[in-house]
Amino acid sequence: MKHFRPIARTTFIVTSILLAFALQSCKDSSAGQQGAQTPAVPVLAVDTAAAITWQDYTAAIQGKTDVAMRSQVNGYLDHIYVDEGAYVTAGQPLFRIDEQPYREQLNNAVANQHAAEAAVVAAQLEVDKLTPLVENKVVSEVQLKTAKAAHKMAIARAEQAKAAAGTARINMGYAVIKAPASGYIGRLPYKKGSLISNTDPTPLTTLSDVREVHAYFSMSETEFIHFSKQYPAGKLPEAALILADNEEYSTKGKVDMVDGQFDKTTGAITLRATFPNEQGILRSGNTGKVRIRQQHSNALLVPQQATLELQDKVFVYVLDNKNKISKKPIAIAGKVGTDYIVKDGIERGNRIVYSGLDRLQEGAEVKPLPAGK
């Protein structure tokens, strides 16, 4: 039995050592798993700051003057003096309606005027003849009064004839249609020989004065409230124009009109910005975007790097007081450089994950590190 005691003691020692190694291995494994489950991520606290953004509004562009040219008389289109797209000056002839019928009407009206004027002279002679006879009591006074009444009637008829001749002269002048302002000619739907009526729904052409252009755009009620707070009446802002090719127009304009009421159908209000167009680059019918500067005094700023976009929504990972993360959607009001301006979803002081969002899971616990480390 004495030979077995050293062997038992040795076995006990070896077993204890192996058990200690096993326990240490379990601790190391547990610690490793715990470290793997608590990733270290950069975290920042959301804060506010002054910011400037530029808001774009879809705009329709019109010339300062867009005139639908129509004939004021009926007749055949006798001559077209201009071509489509041509630039014309105020007073320049554009079209001529066959004037022969109106020339004859004018001649007839002038003849009637001359006849009426001759009748006035004849009536005056009758008054002059009867006046001394009445004074000498050769004829009764009634005859003189009748002659004077006939004279007045002749004068009235002469004035009517003169007015008719004036109307005929005006109609004669309407046969030649002139440009009321300088600008560019639009399409010409009628050709020479077409029968033109002053009731035609389609105009002869459209004349656009585009030395200045108006860009009309709309704001929602919420946008307009914010706009009005920044730009009260009489202090309307400067504006930029973004063309269809996404290039900014070379010259700045100014918002110079706000509609008097909201459209009940759309719930929006119309504004107008005016831009100079000396080089004629812009034309009526152009589209673009009016860009307006907006000042934010206490904007809640979040780096775009700290956001995650899913199904047209923007999310951030917010840490609670136990450093567990949750994904929250945020509403974006604008963009400043590489930052979003947030209008809803989080508050000032909230801690959010700055980067590495694609490796995180909802509800996971993280180890916060200062952003940038």
Protein backbone atom coordinates (compact mmCIF):
# COMPACT_ATOMS: atom_id res chain seq x y z
CA MET A 1 0.00 0.00 0.00
CA LYS A 2 2.88 2.40 0.59
CA HIS A 3 3.77 2.13 -3.12
CA PHE A 4 0.35 3.48 -4.21
CA ARG A 5 0.28 6.75 -2.18
CA PRO A 6 2.80 8.71 -4.35
CA ILE A 7 0.91 7.73 -7.48
CA ALA A 8 -2.42 8.99 -6.09
CA ARG A 9 -0.85 12.24 -4.97
CA THR A 10 0.68 12.75 -8.41
CA THR A 11 -2.65 12.04 -10.11
CA PHE A 12 -4.38 14.59 -7.89
CA ILE A 13 -1.84 17.27 -8.74
CA VAL A 14 -2.09 16.64 -12.50
CA THR A 15 -5.89 16.69 -12.35
CA SER A 16 -5.86 20.00 -10.48
CA ILE A 17 -3.53 21.55 -13.04
CA LEU A 18 -5.69 20.37 -15.94
CA LEU A 19 -8.81 21.71 -14.23
CA ALA A 20 -7.17 25.08 -13.70
CA PHE A 21 -6.18 25.26 -17.34
CA ALA A 22 -9.72 24.32 -18.34
CA LEU A 23 -11.23 27.04 -16.12
CA GLN A 24 -8.81 29.64 -17.44
CA SER A 25 -9.60 28.60 -21.01
CA CYS A 26 -13.32 29.01 -20.34
CA LYS A 27 -12.75 32.48 -18.88
CA ASP A 28 -10.64 33.50 -21.85
CA SER A 29 -13.26 32.14 -24.25
CA SER A 30 -16.07 33.91 -22.39
CA ALA A 31 -14.12 37.16 -22.37
CA GLY A 32 -13.44 36.82 -26.08
CA GLN A 33 -17.10 36.21 -26.82
CA GLN A 34 -18.09 39.15 -24.64
CA GLY A 35 -15.60 41.39 -26.49
CA ALA A 36 -16.93 40.22 -29.85
CA GLN A 37 -20.51 40.99 -28.77
CA THR A 38 -19.68 44.59 -27.71
CA PRO A 39 -18.15 46.34 -30.72
CA ALA A 40 -16.49 49.71 -30.27
CA VAL A 41 -18.03 52.36 -32.56
CA PRO A 42 -17.48 56.10 -32.98
CA VAL A 43 -20.35 58.08 -31.47
CA LEU A 44 -21.28 61.78 -31.56
CA ALA A 45 -23.90 63.91 -29.83
CA VAL A 46 -26.31 65.71 -32.14
CA ASP A 47 -26.09 69.51 -31.84
CA THR A 48 -27.57 72.60 -33.45
CA ALA A 49 -25.84 75.36 -35.41
CA ALA A 50 -26.57 78.19 -37.84
CA ALA A 51 -26.79 76.97 -41.43
CA ILE A 52 -27.62 78.19 -44.91
CA THR A 53 -29.40 76.01 -47.44
CA TRP A 54 -30.65 76.49 -50.98
CA GLN A 55 -34.18 75.33 -51.75
CA ASP A 56 -35.15 74.52 -55.34
CA TYR A 57 -38.66 75.03 -56.76
CA THR A 58 -39.81 73.84 -60.17
CA ALA A 59 -40.55 76.88 -62.34
CA ALA A 60 -42.27 77.68 -65.63
CA ILE A 61 -40.73 80.56 -67.58
CA GLN A 62 -42.71 83.16 -69.50
CA GLY A 63 -41.71 86.29 -71.33
CA LYS A 64 -42.36 89.66 -69.76
CA THR A 65 -44.98 90.10 -72.46
CA ASP A 66 -46.66 87.13 -74.14
CA VAL A 67 -49.22 88.44 -76.61
CA ALA A 68 -51.58 86.24 -78.58
CA MET A 69 -51.85 88.03 -81.93
CA ARG A 70 -55.39 87.95 -83.34
CA SER A 71 -57.11 89.72 -86.17
CA GLN A 72 -59.79 92.28 -85.30
CA VAL A 73 -61.37 91.99 -88.75
CA ASN A 74 -62.46 89.09 -90.93
CA GLY A 75 -61.01 88.24 -94.30
CA TYR A 76 -58.43 86.31 -96.23
CA LEU A 77 -54.81 86.36 -95.05
CA ASP A 78 -53.22 88.33 -97.85
CA HIS A 79 -49.61 88.55 -96.71
CA ILE A 80 -47.26 87.31 -93.93
CA TYR A 81 -44.32 89.65 -93.36
CA VAL A 82 -42.34 87.55 -90.83
CA ASP A 83 -41.11 84.02 -90.27
CA GLU A 84 -41.41 81.78 -87.26
CA GLY A 85 -38.87 82.56 -84.55
CA ALA A 86 -38.00 85.97 -85.98
CA TYR A 87 -37.25 88.92 -83.72
CA VAL A 88 -39.46 91.92 -84.45
CA THR A 89 -39.64 95.46 -83.10
CA ALA A 90 -42.70 97.32 -81.84
CA GLY A 91 -44.81 98.68 -84.72
CA GLN A 92 -43.38 96.32 -87.32
CA PRO A 93 -46.03 94.85 -89.73
CA LEU A 94 -46.62 91.14 -89.19
CA PHE A 95 -49.72 90.21 -91.25
CA ARG A 96 -52.07 91.80 -93.74
CA ILE A 97 -55.72 90.83 -94.20
CA ASP A 98 -57.25 91.45 -97.66
CA GLU A 99 -58.17 95.12 -97.29
CA GLN A 100 -60.24 95.65 -100.43
CA PRO A 101 -63.65 95.15 -98.73
CA TYR A 102 -62.67 97.55 -95.97
CA ARG A 103 -61.36 100.10 -98.47
CA GLU A 104 -64.75 100.09 -100.18
CA GLN A 105 -66.52 100.45 -96.83
CA LEU A 106 -64.31 103.43 -96.06
CA ASN A 107 -65.01 105.05 -99.42
CA ASN A 108 -68.75 104.61 -98.90
CA ALA A 109 -68.57 106.01 -95.38
CA VAL A 110 -66.57 109.03 -96.52
CA ALA A 111 -69.12 109.70 -99.29
CA ASN A 112 -71.97 109.57 -96.77
CA GLN A 113 -70.04 111.96 -94.55
CA HIS A 114 -69.67 114.45 -97.40
CA ALA A 115 -73.38 114.20 -98.20
CA ALA A 116 -74.30 114.79 -94.58
CA GLU A 117 -71.99 117.78 -94.37
CA ALA A 118 -73.63 119.22 -97.52
CA ALA A 119 -77.04 118.74 -95.90
CA VAL A 120 -75.84 120.78 -92.95
CA VAL A 121 -74.86 123.61 -95.29
CA ALA A 122 -78.27 123.46 -97.02
CA ALA A 123 -80.10 123.53 -93.70
CA GLN A 124 -78.04 126.52 -92.60
CA LEU A 125 -78.96 128.36 -95.80
CA GLU A 126 -82.63 127.75 -95.12
CA VAL A 127 -82.25 129.19 -91.63
CA ASP A 128 -80.39 132.22 -93.00
CA LYS A 129 -83.15 132.79 -95.62
CA LEU A 130 -86.03 132.62 -93.17
CA THR A 131 -84.51 134.73 -90.41
CA PRO A 132 -85.05 138.20 -92.06
CA LEU A 133 -88.46 137.16 -93.33
CA VAL A 134 -89.58 136.37 -89.82
CA GLU A 135 -88.17 139.65 -88.57
CA ASN A 136 -90.23 141.47 -91.22
CA LYS A 137 -93.23 139.31 -90.39
CA VAL A 138 -93.39 137.97 -93.92
CA VAL A 139 -93.45 134.34 -92.74
CA SER A 140 -94.44 132.88 -89.41
CA GLU A 141 -91.92 132.18 -86.68
CA VAL A 142 -92.89 128.52 -86.76
CA GLN A 143 -91.26 128.10 -90.16
CA LEU A 144 -87.96 129.42 -88.79
CA LYS A 145 -88.09 127.11 -85.80
CA THR A 146 -88.73 124.19 -88.14
CA ALA A 147 -85.73 125.18 -90.25
CA LYS A 148 -83.50 125.44 -87.21
CA ALA A 149 -84.62 121.98 -86.04
CA ALA A 150 -83.82 120.57 -89.48
CA HIS A 151 -80.40 122.20 -89.25
CA LYS A 152 -79.68 120.53 -85.92
CA MET A 153 -80.81 117.18 -87.32
CA ALA A 154 -78.50 117.65 -90.30
CA ILE A 155 -75.60 118.34 -87.93
CA ALA A 156 -76.38 115.17 -85.98
CA ARG A 157 -76.50 113.11 -89.17
CA ALA A 158 -73.20 114.61 -90.26
CA GLU A 159 -71.61 113.59 -86.96
CA GLN A 160 -72.98 110.06 -87.37
CA ALA A 161 -71.56 109.90 -90.86
CA LYS A 162 -68.22 111.17 -89.60
CA ALA A 163 -68.18 108.49 -86.88
CA ALA A 164 -69.04 105.80 -89.44
CA ALA A 165 -66.18 107.00 -91.62
CA GLY A 166 -63.87 106.87 -88.59
CA THR A 167 -64.94 103.29 -87.85
CA ALA A 168 -64.33 102.30 -91.46
CA ARG A 169 -60.93 103.94 -91.30
CA ILE A 170 -60.08 101.98 -88.12
CA ASN A 171 -61.19 98.70 -89.71
CA MET A 172 -59.08 99.55 -92.69
CA GLY A 173 -56.12 100.02 -90.36
CA TYR A 174 -56.83 96.67 -88.67
CA ALA A 175 -56.19 94.96 -91.99
CA VAL A 176 -52.47 95.37 -91.26
CA ILE A 177 -51.54 93.67 -87.97
CA LYS A 178 -48.47 95.19 -86.30
CA ALA A 179 -46.30 94.09 -83.40
CA PRO A 180 -47.46 95.75 -80.15
CA ALA A 181 -44.03 95.17 -78.57
CA SER A 182 -40.59 93.94 -79.47
CA GLY A 183 -40.02 90.21 -79.14
CA TYR A 184 -39.88 86.83 -80.82
CA ILE A 185 -42.51 85.39 -83.13
CA GLY A 186 -43.93 81.98 -82.27
CA ARG A 187 -45.52 79.39 -84.55
CA LEU A 188 -47.54 80.50 -87.59
CA PRO A 189 -50.51 78.11 -87.83
CA TYR A 190 -52.17 80.00 -90.70
CA LYS A 191 -50.78 80.29 -94.20
CA LYS A 192 -51.35 82.86 -96.93
CA GLY A 193 -54.89 82.58 -98.29
CA SER A 194 -56.41 81.26 -95.04
CA LEU A 195 -59.79 82.70 -94.08
CA ILE A 196 -59.29 84.59 -90.82
CA SER A 197 -62.00 85.49 -88.32
CA ASN A 198 -61.84 87.62 -85.21
CA THR A 199 -63.52 84.73 -83.36
CA ASP A 200 -60.90 82.09 -84.27
CA PRO A 201 -59.78 80.20 -81.13
CA THR A 202 -56.23 79.84 -82.49
CA PRO A 203 -54.25 83.10 -82.67
CA LEU A 204 -52.25 84.09 -85.73
CA THR A 205 -49.09 83.76 -83.61
CA THR A 206 -47.73 84.56 -80.16
CA LEU A 207 -45.31 87.41 -79.63
CA SER A 208 -42.97 87.09 -76.63
CA ASP A 209 -41.01 89.99 -75.21
CA VAL A 210 -38.17 88.14 -73.44
CA ARG A 211 -35.79 90.97 -72.61
CA GLU A 212 -36.87 90.02 -69.10
CA VAL A 213 -38.47 86.72 -68.18
CA HIS A 214 -40.74 85.71 -65.34
CA ALA A 215 -40.22 82.36 -63.60
CA TYR A 216 -43.39 81.24 -61.81
CA PHE A 217 -43.10 78.67 -59.01
CA SER A 218 -45.20 77.43 -56.09
CA MET A 219 -44.74 76.83 -52.37
CA SER A 220 -46.74 74.72 -49.99
CA GLU A 221 -48.36 76.40 -47.00
CA THR A 222 -45.65 75.17 -44.62
CA GLU A 223 -42.86 76.32 -46.94
CA PHE A 224 -44.49 79.71 -47.38
CA ILE A 225 -44.81 80.25 -43.62
CA HIS A 226 -41.08 79.60 -43.24
CA PHE A 227 -40.36 81.82 -46.27
CA SER A 228 -42.48 84.67 -44.88
CA LYS A 229 -40.66 84.58 -41.54
CA GLN A 230 -37.31 85.01 -43.28
CA TYR A 231 -38.47 87.46 -45.95
CA PRO A 232 -41.27 89.77 -44.80
CA ALA A 233 -43.14 91.95 -47.29
CA GLY A 234 -40.86 94.41 -49.03
CA LYS A 235 -37.73 92.32 -48.40
CA LEU A 236 -38.08 89.59 -51.00
CA PRO A 237 -34.90 87.62 -51.73
CA GLU A 238 -32.50 87.24 -54.60
CA ALA A 239 -32.94 84.07 -56.64
CA ALA A 240 -30.90 81.87 -58.94
CA LEU A 241 -32.25 79.98 -61.93
CA ILE A 242 -31.22 76.38 -62.61
CA LEU A 243 -31.77 75.49 -66.25
CA ALA A 244 -32.92 72.17 -67.67
CA ASP A 245 -29.29 71.03 -68.11
CA ASN A 246 -28.73 71.58 -64.34
CA GLU A 247 -26.45 74.55 -65.07
CA GLU A 248 -27.05 77.79 -63.18
CA TYR A 249 -28.14 80.73 -65.31
CA SER A 250 -25.42 83.36 -65.49
CA THR A 251 -27.43 86.23 -64.02
CA LYS A 252 -29.20 86.35 -60.67
CA GLY A 253 -32.82 87.47 -60.47
CA LYS A 254 -35.17 88.56 -57.72
CA VAL A 255 -38.46 87.35 -56.31
CA ASP A 256 -40.79 90.28 -57.00
CA MET A 257 -44.33 88.92 -56.69
CA VAL A 258 -46.31 86.78 -54.26
CA ASP A 259 -49.84 85.77 -55.20
CA GLY A 260 -52.65 87.16 -53.08
CA GLN A 261 -54.13 83.79 -52.17
CA PHE A 262 -53.53 80.05 -52.06
CA ASP A 263 -54.89 77.76 -54.74
CA LYS A 264 -57.71 75.80 -53.11
CA THR A 265 -57.11 72.83 -55.39
CA THR A 266 -53.37 72.39 -54.81
CA GLY A 267 -52.98 74.12 -51.44
CA ALA A 268 -50.02 76.05 -52.84
CA ILE A 269 -49.28 79.71 -53.46
CA THR A 270 -47.59 81.09 -56.59
CA LEU A 271 -44.53 83.34 -56.55
CA ARG A 272 -42.65 85.02 -59.37
CA ALA A 273 -38.95 85.69 -59.88
CA THR A 274 -37.77 88.02 -62.65
CA PHE A 275 -34.49 87.54 -64.53
CA PRO A 276 -32.81 89.76 -67.15
CA ASN A 277 -32.35 88.12 -70.53
CA GLU A 278 -30.33 90.50 -72.65
CA GLN A 279 -28.73 87.69 -74.68
CA GLY A 280 -32.06 86.02 -75.42
CA ILE A 281 -31.02 82.65 -73.98
CA LEU A 282 -34.35 82.15 -72.22
CA ARG A 283 -37.65 81.84 -74.09
CA SER A 284 -41.27 81.50 -73.10
CA GLY A 285 -42.05 77.89 -72.33
CA ASN A 286 -38.64 77.10 -70.84
CA THR A 287 -38.61 75.13 -67.60
CA GLY A 288 -36.13 75.20 -64.76
CA LYS A 289 -35.79 75.59 -61.03
CA VAL A 290 -35.77 78.72 -58.94
CA ARG A 291 -33.19 78.41 -56.15
CA ILE A 292 -33.71 80.52 -53.01
CA ARG A 293 -31.36 80.98 -50.05
CA GLN A 294 -32.74 79.90 -46.67
CA GLN A 295 -31.24 80.80 -43.30
CA HIS A 296 -31.53 78.34 -40.39
CA SER A 297 -30.58 79.80 -37.01
CA ASN A 298 -30.81 76.56 -34.96
CA ALA A 299 -30.47 73.73 -37.42
CA LEU A 300 -30.11 70.20 -36.12
CA LEU A 301 -27.14 68.86 -38.09
CA VAL A 302 -26.33 65.20 -38.74
CA PRO A 303 -23.41 64.05 -40.94
CA GLN A 304 -24.54 62.12 -43.99
CA GLN A 305 -21.93 59.50 -43.03
CA ALA A 306 -23.96 58.82 -39.86
CA THR A 307 -27.11 57.94 -41.80
CA LEU A 308 -28.42 54.84 -43.51
CA GLU A 309 -30.85 54.93 -46.46
CA LEU A 310 -33.41 52.15 -46.83
CA GLN A 311 -36.46 52.20 -49.11
CA ASP A 312 -36.36 55.97 -49.65
CA LYS A 313 -36.08 56.61 -45.92
CA VAL A 314 -33.11 57.88 -43.93
CA PHE A 315 -32.19 56.27 -40.58
CA VAL A 316 -29.69 56.80 -37.78
CA TYR A 317 -28.61 54.49 -34.96
CA VAL A 318 -29.39 56.13 -31.59
CA LEU A 319 -27.79 54.99 -28.31
CA ASP A 320 -29.82 54.76 -25.12
CA ASN A 321 -28.42 55.21 -21.61
CA LYS A 322 -27.26 51.57 -21.62
CA ASN A 323 -25.39 52.00 -24.92
CA LYS A 324 -27.88 49.87 -26.80
CA ILE A 325 -28.65 51.03 -30.32
CA SER A 326 -31.98 51.44 -32.08
CA LYS A 327 -32.64 52.46 -35.66
CA LYS A 328 -34.77 55.60 -35.99
CA PRO A 329 -36.07 57.31 -39.17
CA ILE A 330 -35.37 61.02 -39.56
CA ALA A 331 -37.03 63.69 -41.71
CA ILE A 332 -34.60 65.76 -43.79
CA ALA A 333 -35.22 69.51 -44.22
CA GLY A 334 -32.16 70.25 -46.34
CA LYS A 335 -28.46 69.69 -46.84
CA VAL A 336 -25.43 71.79 -45.89
CA GLY A 337 -22.16 70.51 -47.31
CA THR A 338 -21.85 66.94 -46.01
CA ASP A 339 -24.49 67.38 -43.30
CA TYR A 340 -28.23 66.87 -43.29
CA ILE A 341 -30.55 69.33 -41.58
CA VAL A 342 -33.00 67.22 -39.57
CA LYS A 343 -36.50 68.51 -38.87
CA ASP A 344 -37.91 65.46 -37.09
CA GLY A 345 -36.93 62.07 -35.66
CA ILE A 346 -34.17 62.95 -33.16
CA GLU A 347 -33.40 65.75 -30.72
CA ARG A 348 -30.44 67.80 -29.70
CA GLY A 349 -28.16 65.81 -27.37
CA ASN A 350 -29.10 62.40 -28.76
CA ARG A 351 -26.07 60.16 -29.29
CA ILE A 352 -25.81 58.53 -32.69
CA VAL A 353 -23.35 56.13 -34.30
CA TYR A 354 -21.03 58.07 -36.59
CA SER A 355 -19.79 55.31 -38.91
CA GLY A 356 -19.82 51.55 -39.49
CA LEU A 357 -23.63 51.38 -39.51
CA ASP A 358 -23.74 48.50 -41.98
CA ARG A 359 -22.11 46.18 -39.41
CA LEU A 360 -24.60 46.89 -36.61
CA GLN A 361 -27.77 45.11 -35.58
CA GLU A 362 -30.88 46.49 -33.98
CA GLY A 363 -30.77 46.34 -30.18
CA ALA A 364 -27.06 45.49 -30.00
CA GLU A 365 -24.91 46.91 -27.21
CA VAL A 366 -21.91 48.96 -28.33
CA LYS A 367 -18.88 50.53 -26.78
CA PRO A 368 -18.98 54.29 -27.63
CA LEU A 369 -15.81 56.00 -28.76
CA PRO A 370 -15.44 59.70 -29.61
CA ALA A 371 -16.19 60.29 -33.28
CA GLY A 372 -13.08 60.51 -35.41
CA LYS A 373 -11.08 57.95 -33.40
